[in-house]
Every structure is written in structure tokens, then in C-alpha cells.
Amino acid sequence: MDHYQQITQRWNAPLGSEPDVDASARVVDSCFEEWVSIGPHNRIVASQIGAYTYTGEHVTIQHARVGRFTNIAAYVSVGPVNHPMDRVTLHHMTYRRRAYGVGEQDDETLFYWRQLQKADIGHDVWIGHGAIILAGVSVGTGSVVGAGSVVTKDVEPFSVVAGNPAKPIKRRFAKSVAEALMRVAWWNWSRDELLERFHDFYDLREFLARYDPARPLHQSSSVFSSEMQEKKSEG
């Protein structure tokens, strides 16, 4: 993972080892893996972006860790900062003192605290248009955040949440299937492995039969048998 102090230029070339950053985007003190695409008018600050992740336009990501293969729609905000609410005023003159001529030093303690409140986005997450992921929140691998949602609490892997505040709507897969996908952890595959196995991504059953280390090929249906049992128990 390479570190970029500042990026303001876009490379008009196919995606690859260098990040594809729109010319209108602002990137400060952030890290990118390969095959990353940053859309127009983005603001990426002090964050880590995993391989193959892309963003739509007008996305803000601050003090966050974003996994691989994550899909971030337009107007999403990840990790918006908090104001101190216990002071006389909410205005940032109490911590951006130099800008307002009220002190010679800014409140570095507050800024450091903000940096510690990282939002953590897993792998293969889909964040819908205009969603807000608050600082300090964890969004699990394989999950979906509905458009316009405000995520104030951690999101379980492979779950679908929506609303303000966001609440669980359903699970993408039964627990047994989600656990199998976590065992495979295909998002950690090398580029060569991904290319070799790409056509297997279209059939979930066959994919797990082939790659789940806990299930030999002749036991391929067991995960989905468990899924059927879970659905019956829920019904």
C-alpha cells in the first residue's frame, strides 16, 4: 500500500497499480492499494482505501479504513467529524484558535481525538447514494447500506441496513453462507488468482463448493442445506 501526501491529478489510463483520481478530487495524507478509482469532487483525508474500491462523485471520507472491492455511491460521507458539545459554544473557534486570532495554538488534543474515531468499512460493501457513516462506526464485510441512511451503530457482516438511524432490514445470506464466504476471503486473493477464478463468481453455490476450505467438493450442498433450515426456523 503506497502513501500519498497529496493528489490532485487524474491519470487518463486504465485502472492499475496507480490510483485513478479525478482532477477535481482532493486527497490528503491517504493510502491506496491497486485498482482504486476516486470520483469527481471527492475529499479523501487521512484514510486508507483498499484495492478495487471506487467512489462516485461528491464523496467525503475522513479518518477511515475502507476495505477492498467496496462500492461507494455519490454524495456519501464517511467519518464526519464531531464538535465538542460540552463547551459554551459549538463553534470551532474554540479549537481552531489561530484562524480566529484568539490563541497562538490550536486544540491539538481535540484533533488527535478525532483521528482516533475511525470509521471502519469492510470488504465488498455497498454504500448507497447519500448515506452517512458516522465516525467510530464499523460496517461489516459484505453488507449493504441503503441510500440516504445514517449509520450510527456497527453493521453486522452480510446484512442490509437502511433508515435514519439505520436499522437492520434483512441478511443477504444465511449465517452459514456468510461464514463460508468469510472463510474463503476471496477479497484477499492475488490478481492472478482473481483472474483465474473470475468466472466462478456468478454461481454462489459452485463458488463455495470449489473454494470453501471447510467443505470438500462432495459436501457442496451442506452450506445451502443449513441455509434452508435457518429460513424454516425463522419462518
Foldseek 3Di string as FASTA:
>chain_A
DDWDQWDQDADPDQWFQDEGEHNQEIEHGEEEGGCEYEEHHEYHENEYAYHNEYEYYNEYFYLEYAYYQEYYYPQEYEADFAFDPVDPDSDLCQFVVVVVVNDDHGPVVRVVVSNVQYEYEYYNEYEAANEYEHGNEYEAALEYEYHNEYDDHHHYHQFYWYDDPTDTDGGNFPPLLRVQCVQLPCSPDDPVVCVVCVVVVPDSLVVSLVRRPVHDNVRSCVSVVVRVVVVVVVD
